[in-house]
Every structure is written in C-alpha cells, then in structure tokens.
Amino acid sequence: MAYQKYTELEVWKKARIFTAFIYKLTASFPKEEIYGLVSQIRRCAVSVPSNIAEGSGRQHPKETIQFLAIARGSLYELETHIYVSFDIGFVSELQLNDCLSQIEVLGKLINGYIRFLNKE
C-alpha cells in the first residue's frame, strides 16, 4: 500500500470538517441533552475521522478497511441520531437535509477508499 499520511486524505479532511459542523449544530440542543443525545451524536462524529486516521496507521489494507468500516458504521449511527433529532424538533428540516447531504458525501468517500484498498 502506497503510504499517504492520513491528514492528506480527502475523506479525513471532510470528516473533520463535518465533525466541527456537528459540534456547532448540537450546541443549540437543550441543555438536558448534553449527556444524552448530544454526547451520542458527538461521539459518533468524532469516531469517523478518528477511525479513518487509526486505519491509516495500520500496515495492511485489510486492517485499514476494517477501521473504515467502523467509520462508516459510526456515520450511519450518526445519521440515525440526526433523524431522531429532527423527529423531536431539535433540528430543522434545512439542518436535517444539510446533515444528510454531508453524510452522503462522506459515505461515498469512505466507500471509494475501501474500493481502492480492495484493489491493492
């Protein structure tokens, strides 16, 4: 596998930007959710770039793919939390659609990186 520092990966960069977006979005949630939904959402968001980074530090593509799959799982979990947040009125339809759009892009980037690594 050709070495590329994880901080140079487009998928990691976009995941990091999305994480910051999620932190700002959840800052407006009710204070009683700080240890509930807000914590869950933020942990999922941080998990995505973290697992991309950790996977990039592995020596074999199969190990990297395993961590990318975990990142993708966290992304889907986050998507569910965003839907729930919309259902209970914590995010607007505009915010929901913005999140879903960014999640779709990230999912495609993760899947593309997995496909790339599977070819090696």
N, C-alpha and C. Protein backbone atom coordinates (compact mmCIF):
# COMPACT_ATOMS: atom_id res chain seq x y z
N MET A 1 0.86 -1.18 0.00
CA MET A 1 0.00 0.00 0.00
C MET A 1 0.90 1.24 0.00
N ALA A 2 0.64 2.13 -0.94
CA ALA A 2 1.41 3.36 -1.01
C ALA A 2 1.09 4.21 0.21
N TYR A 3 2.14 4.69 0.85
CA TYR A 3 1.95 5.47 2.08
C TYR A 3 1.45 6.87 1.75
N GLN A 4 0.40 7.25 2.41
CA GLN A 4 -0.12 8.61 2.35
C GLN A 4 -0.54 8.97 3.76
N LYS A 5 -0.02 10.07 4.25
CA LYS A 5 -0.38 10.49 5.60
C LYS A 5 -1.89 10.75 5.66
N TYR A 6 -2.52 10.28 6.73
CA TYR A 6 -3.98 10.39 6.82
C TYR A 6 -4.47 11.82 6.72
N THR A 7 -3.66 12.79 7.18
CA THR A 7 -4.09 14.19 7.12
C THR A 7 -4.15 14.71 5.69
N GLU A 8 -3.62 13.95 4.75
CA GLU A 8 -3.68 14.32 3.33
C GLU A 8 -4.88 13.71 2.62
N LEU A 9 -5.56 12.79 3.29
CA LEU A 9 -6.70 12.11 2.68
C LEU A 9 -7.93 13.04 2.65
N GLU A 10 -8.55 13.14 1.49
CA GLU A 10 -9.74 13.98 1.34
C GLU A 10 -10.86 13.51 2.25
N VAL A 11 -11.01 12.20 2.41
CA VAL A 11 -12.06 11.66 3.25
C VAL A 11 -11.87 12.08 4.70
N TRP A 12 -10.64 12.08 5.19
CA TRP A 12 -10.37 12.50 6.57
C TRP A 12 -10.63 14.00 6.73
N LYS A 13 -10.19 14.80 5.75
CA LYS A 13 -10.40 16.25 5.82
C LYS A 13 -11.90 16.58 5.90
N LYS A 14 -12.69 15.94 5.04
CA LYS A 14 -14.14 16.22 5.03
C LYS A 14 -14.79 15.72 6.32
N ALA A 15 -14.33 14.59 6.84
CA ALA A 15 -14.88 14.07 8.10
C ALA A 15 -14.57 15.02 9.25
N ARG A 16 -13.40 15.60 9.25
CA ARG A 16 -13.02 16.56 10.29
C ARG A 16 -13.88 17.82 10.22
N ILE A 17 -14.11 18.32 9.02
CA ILE A 17 -14.96 19.49 8.83
C ILE A 17 -16.39 19.18 9.29
N PHE A 18 -16.87 17.98 8.94
CA PHE A 18 -18.22 17.58 9.33
C PHE A 18 -18.34 17.46 10.84
N THR A 19 -17.31 16.98 11.49
CA THR A 19 -17.31 16.87 12.95
C THR A 19 -17.48 18.24 13.60
N ALA A 20 -16.76 19.22 13.10
CA ALA A 20 -16.88 20.58 13.63
C ALA A 20 -18.30 21.11 13.39
N PHE A 21 -18.85 20.82 12.23
CA PHE A 21 -20.22 21.22 11.91
C PHE A 21 -21.21 20.62 12.92
N ILE A 22 -21.02 19.34 13.23
CA ILE A 22 -21.91 18.64 14.17
C ILE A 22 -21.80 19.25 15.57
N TYR A 23 -20.59 19.58 15.99
CA TYR A 23 -20.41 20.21 17.31
C TYR A 23 -21.17 21.53 17.37
N LYS A 24 -21.10 22.32 16.32
CA LYS A 24 -21.81 23.59 16.30
C LYS A 24 -23.32 23.38 16.26
N LEU A 25 -23.76 22.40 15.49
CA LEU A 25 -25.19 22.10 15.40
C LEU A 25 -25.75 21.69 16.76
N THR A 26 -25.06 20.81 17.46
CA THR A 26 -25.57 20.29 18.73
C THR A 26 -25.43 21.28 19.88
N ALA A 27 -24.70 22.36 19.66
CA ALA A 27 -24.56 23.38 20.71
C ALA A 27 -25.92 24.03 21.02
N SER A 28 -26.83 23.98 20.07
CA SER A 28 -28.15 24.59 20.27
C SER A 28 -29.18 23.62 20.86
N PHE A 29 -28.79 22.37 21.09
CA PHE A 29 -29.72 21.39 21.66
C PHE A 29 -30.00 21.77 23.12
N PRO A 30 -31.12 21.31 23.65
CA PRO A 30 -31.43 21.60 25.06
C PRO A 30 -30.33 21.11 26.00
N LYS A 31 -30.07 21.87 27.05
CA LYS A 31 -29.01 21.54 28.00
C LYS A 31 -29.20 20.17 28.64
N GLU A 32 -30.46 19.74 28.82
CA GLU A 32 -30.69 18.44 29.45
C GLU A 32 -30.25 17.27 28.56
N GLU A 33 -29.93 17.55 27.29
CA GLU A 33 -29.47 16.51 26.37
C GLU A 33 -27.94 16.41 26.29
N ILE A 34 -27.23 17.22 27.06
CA ILE A 34 -25.77 17.25 26.97
C ILE A 34 -25.14 15.88 27.24
N TYR A 35 -25.74 15.11 28.14
CA TYR A 35 -25.19 13.78 28.46
C TYR A 35 -25.97 12.68 27.76
N GLY A 36 -26.94 13.05 26.95
CA GLY A 36 -27.74 12.08 26.22
C GLY A 36 -27.44 12.14 24.74
N LEU A 37 -28.38 12.69 24.00
CA LEU A 37 -28.27 12.72 22.55
C LEU A 37 -27.06 13.51 22.05
N VAL A 38 -26.77 14.63 22.68
CA VAL A 38 -25.62 15.44 22.25
C VAL A 38 -24.33 14.63 22.37
N SER A 39 -24.16 13.97 23.49
CA SER A 39 -22.97 13.15 23.70
C SER A 39 -22.87 12.03 22.66
N GLN A 40 -23.98 11.36 22.40
CA GLN A 40 -24.01 10.27 21.42
C GLN A 40 -23.64 10.79 20.02
N ILE A 41 -24.26 11.88 19.64
CA ILE A 41 -24.02 12.45 18.30
C ILE A 41 -22.55 12.86 18.15
N ARG A 42 -22.04 13.54 19.15
CA ARG A 42 -20.65 14.00 19.07
C ARG A 42 -19.66 12.84 19.06
N ARG A 43 -19.92 11.81 19.84
CA ARG A 43 -19.03 10.65 19.84
C ARG A 43 -19.03 9.98 18.47
N CYS A 44 -20.19 9.87 17.86
CA CYS A 44 -20.26 9.29 16.51
C CYS A 44 -19.47 10.14 15.52
N ALA A 45 -19.66 11.44 15.60
CA ALA A 45 -18.99 12.35 14.67
C ALA A 45 -17.47 12.25 14.81
N VAL A 46 -16.97 12.26 16.02
CA VAL A 46 -15.53 12.18 16.26
C VAL A 46 -14.99 10.81 15.82
N SER A 47 -15.80 9.79 15.95
CA SER A 47 -15.38 8.43 15.59
C SER A 47 -15.04 8.31 14.11
N VAL A 48 -15.70 9.06 13.26
CA VAL A 48 -15.48 8.93 11.82
C VAL A 48 -14.05 9.31 11.44
N PRO A 49 -13.59 10.55 11.66
CA PRO A 49 -12.20 10.86 11.28
C PRO A 49 -11.19 10.09 12.13
N SER A 50 -11.54 9.78 13.37
CA SER A 50 -10.61 9.04 14.24
C SER A 50 -10.33 7.64 13.70
N ASN A 51 -11.37 6.96 13.25
CA ASN A 51 -11.18 5.61 12.70
C ASN A 51 -10.50 5.63 11.34
N ILE A 52 -10.74 6.67 10.57
CA ILE A 52 -10.01 6.83 9.30
C ILE A 52 -8.53 6.98 9.61
N ALA A 53 -8.21 7.81 10.59
CA ALA A 53 -6.81 8.03 10.96
C ALA A 53 -6.19 6.75 11.51
N GLU A 54 -6.88 6.08 12.42
CA GLU A 54 -6.34 4.87 13.01
C GLU A 54 -6.12 3.79 11.96
N GLY A 55 -7.07 3.64 11.06
CA GLY A 55 -6.93 2.66 9.99
C GLY A 55 -5.75 2.96 9.08
N SER A 56 -5.51 4.23 8.86
CA SER A 56 -4.39 4.63 8.00
C SER A 56 -3.04 4.29 8.62
N GLY A 57 -3.03 4.11 9.93
CA GLY A 57 -1.79 3.76 10.61
C GLY A 57 -1.51 2.27 10.62
N ARG A 58 -2.39 1.48 10.06
CA ARG A 58 -2.21 0.03 10.01
C ARG A 58 -1.32 -0.37 8.84
N GLN A 59 -0.72 -1.54 8.96
CA GLN A 59 0.25 -1.97 7.95
C GLN A 59 -0.36 -2.67 6.75
N HIS A 60 -1.55 -3.20 6.90
CA HIS A 60 -2.16 -3.97 5.82
C HIS A 60 -3.49 -3.36 5.40
N PRO A 61 -3.76 -3.39 4.10
CA PRO A 61 -5.03 -2.82 3.62
C PRO A 61 -6.26 -3.41 4.30
N LYS A 62 -6.24 -4.71 4.60
CA LYS A 62 -7.41 -5.33 5.26
C LYS A 62 -7.67 -4.70 6.62
N GLU A 63 -6.62 -4.36 7.34
CA GLU A 63 -6.79 -3.70 8.64
C GLU A 63 -7.36 -2.30 8.44
N THR A 64 -6.85 -1.60 7.46
CA THR A 64 -7.33 -0.25 7.16
C THR A 64 -8.82 -0.30 6.81
N ILE A 65 -9.18 -1.27 5.99
CA ILE A 65 -10.58 -1.43 5.57
C ILE A 65 -11.47 -1.69 6.78
N GLN A 66 -10.99 -2.47 7.73
CA GLN A 66 -11.77 -2.75 8.94
C GLN A 66 -12.09 -1.46 9.68
N PHE A 67 -11.11 -0.57 9.81
CA PHE A 67 -11.35 0.70 10.50
C PHE A 67 -12.23 1.63 9.67
N LEU A 68 -12.12 1.56 8.35
CA LEU A 68 -13.01 2.35 7.50
C LEU A 68 -14.45 1.87 7.65
N ALA A 69 -14.64 0.57 7.80
CA ALA A 69 -15.98 0.03 8.02
C ALA A 69 -16.54 0.52 9.35
N ILE A 70 -15.70 0.62 10.36
CA ILE A 70 -16.14 1.16 11.65
C ILE A 70 -16.53 2.64 11.50
N ALA A 71 -15.72 3.39 10.74
CA ALA A 71 -16.04 4.80 10.49
C ALA A 71 -17.38 4.93 9.78
N ARG A 72 -17.61 4.06 8.80
CA ARG A 72 -18.87 4.07 8.06
C ARG A 72 -20.04 3.73 8.99
N GLY A 73 -19.85 2.77 9.87
CA GLY A 73 -20.88 2.42 10.84
C GLY A 73 -21.21 3.59 11.76
N SER A 74 -20.19 4.29 12.21
CA SER A 74 -20.41 5.47 13.06
C SER A 74 -21.17 6.55 12.30
N LEU A 75 -20.86 6.68 11.01
CA LEU A 75 -21.55 7.66 10.17
C LEU A 75 -23.04 7.33 10.07
N TYR A 76 -23.36 6.05 9.90
CA TYR A 76 -24.76 5.64 9.81
C TYR A 76 -25.47 5.78 11.15
N GLU A 77 -24.76 5.51 12.22
CA GLU A 77 -25.34 5.72 13.56
C GLU A 77 -25.65 7.20 13.75
N LEU A 78 -24.72 8.05 13.35
CA LEU A 78 -24.91 9.49 13.44
C LEU A 78 -26.11 9.93 12.61
N GLU A 79 -26.26 9.36 11.44
CA GLU A 79 -27.41 9.68 10.59
C GLU A 79 -28.72 9.39 11.32
N THR A 80 -28.78 8.26 12.00
CA THR A 80 -29.98 7.90 12.76
C THR A 80 -30.24 8.91 13.87
N HIS A 81 -29.19 9.30 14.58
CA HIS A 81 -29.35 10.29 15.66
C HIS A 81 -29.86 11.63 15.11
N ILE A 82 -29.41 11.98 13.92
CA ILE A 82 -29.86 13.24 13.31
C ILE A 82 -31.34 13.14 12.94
N TYR A 83 -31.75 11.99 12.42
CA TYR A 83 -33.18 11.79 12.13
C TYR A 83 -34.01 11.90 13.41
N VAL A 84 -33.55 11.27 14.48
CA VAL A 84 -34.27 11.35 15.76
C VAL A 84 -34.32 12.80 16.23
N SER A 85 -33.21 13.51 16.10
CA SER A 85 -33.16 14.92 16.50
C SER A 85 -34.17 15.75 15.72
N PHE A 86 -34.33 15.43 14.45
CA PHE A 86 -35.34 16.10 13.64
C PHE A 86 -36.75 15.73 14.12
N ASP A 87 -36.96 14.44 14.38
CA ASP A 87 -38.28 13.95 14.80
C ASP A 87 -38.76 14.62 16.09
N ILE A 88 -37.83 14.95 16.98
CA ILE A 88 -38.23 15.56 18.25
C ILE A 88 -38.05 17.08 18.26
N GLY A 89 -37.72 17.64 17.10
CA GLY A 89 -37.71 19.09 16.94
C GLY A 89 -36.42 19.80 17.33
N PHE A 90 -35.33 19.05 17.46
CA PHE A 90 -34.05 19.70 17.82
C PHE A 90 -33.33 20.27 16.60
N VAL A 91 -33.62 19.73 15.41
CA VAL A 91 -33.04 20.27 14.18
C VAL A 91 -34.17 20.54 13.19
N SER A 92 -33.95 21.54 12.38
CA SER A 92 -34.94 21.91 11.37
C SER A 92 -34.79 21.00 10.15
N GLU A 93 -35.74 21.08 9.25
CA GLU A 93 -35.67 20.30 8.02
C GLU A 93 -34.46 20.71 7.18
N LEU A 94 -34.17 22.00 7.18
CA LEU A 94 -32.99 22.50 6.46
C LEU A 94 -31.71 21.91 7.05
N GLN A 95 -31.60 21.91 8.37
CA GLN A 95 -30.43 21.34 9.03
C GLN A 95 -30.34 19.83 8.78
N LEU A 96 -31.47 19.16 8.83
CA LEU A 96 -31.52 17.73 8.54
C LEU A 96 -30.97 17.45 7.15
N ASN A 97 -31.49 18.18 6.17
CA ASN A 97 -31.06 17.97 4.79
C ASN A 97 -29.58 18.29 4.59
N ASP A 98 -29.09 19.32 5.26
CA ASP A 98 -27.67 19.66 5.19
C ASP A 98 -26.83 18.52 5.75
N CYS A 99 -27.23 17.99 6.90
CA CYS A 99 -26.51 16.86 7.51
C CYS A 99 -26.53 15.65 6.59
N LEU A 100 -27.71 15.33 6.07
CA LEU A 100 -27.84 14.14 5.22
C LEU A 100 -27.00 14.27 3.96
N SER A 101 -26.92 15.45 3.43
CA SER A 101 -26.10 15.69 2.25
C SER A 101 -24.62 15.46 2.55
N GLN A 102 -24.16 15.98 3.68
CA GLN A 102 -22.76 15.79 4.06
C GLN A 102 -22.47 14.32 4.40
N ILE A 103 -23.42 13.65 5.03
CA ILE A 103 -23.27 12.24 5.35
C ILE A 103 -23.17 11.42 4.07
N GLU A 104 -23.98 11.75 3.08
CA GLU A 104 -23.93 11.04 1.80
C GLU A 104 -22.56 11.18 1.14
N VAL A 105 -22.03 12.39 1.13
CA VAL A 105 -20.72 12.63 0.54
C VAL A 105 -19.64 11.83 1.28
N LEU A 106 -19.68 11.90 2.61
CA LEU A 106 -18.70 11.15 3.41
C LEU A 106 -18.82 9.65 3.18
N GLY A 107 -20.03 9.15 3.13
CA GLY A 107 -20.24 7.73 2.88
C GLY A 107 -19.64 7.30 1.55
N LYS A 108 -19.84 8.12 0.53
CA LYS A 108 -19.28 7.82 -0.80
C LYS A 108 -17.76 7.84 -0.77
N LEU A 109 -17.19 8.80 -0.06
CA LEU A 109 -15.73 8.87 0.03
C LEU A 109 -15.16 7.66 0.77
N ILE A 110 -15.81 7.27 1.86
CA ILE A 110 -15.35 6.09 2.61
C ILE A 110 -15.45 4.84 1.73
N ASN A 111 -16.59 4.68 1.06
CA ASN A 111 -16.77 3.52 0.19
C ASN A 111 -15.76 3.50 -0.95
N GLY A 112 -15.48 4.67 -1.50
CA GLY A 112 -14.49 4.77 -2.56
C GLY A 112 -13.09 4.39 -2.09
N TYR A 113 -12.75 4.81 -0.89
CA TYR A 113 -11.45 4.47 -0.32
C TYR A 113 -11.36 2.97 -0.06
N ILE A 114 -12.45 2.39 0.42
CA ILE A 114 -12.48 0.93 0.63
C ILE A 114 -12.30 0.20 -0.70
N ARG A 115 -13.00 0.63 -1.75
CA ARG A 115 -12.85 0.01 -3.07
C ARG A 115 -11.42 0.11 -3.55
N PHE A 116 -10.81 1.27 -3.38
CA PHE A 116 -9.42 1.49 -3.77
C PHE A 116 -8.49 0.51 -3.06
N LEU A 117 -8.68 0.37 -1.76
CA LEU A 117 -7.82 -0.52 -0.98
C LEU A 117 -8.05 -1.99 -1.32
N ASN A 118 -9.27 -2.33 -1.69
CA ASN A 118 -9.57 -3.72 -2.07
C ASN A 118 -8.88 -4.11 -3.38
N LYS A 119 -8.54 -3.14 -4.22
CA LYS A 119 -7.88 -3.41 -5.48
C LYS A 119 -6.38 -3.67 -5.31
N GLU A 120 -5.85 -3.26 -4.18
CA GLU A 120 -4.40 -3.40 -3.97
C GLU A 120 -4.04 -4.82 -3.60
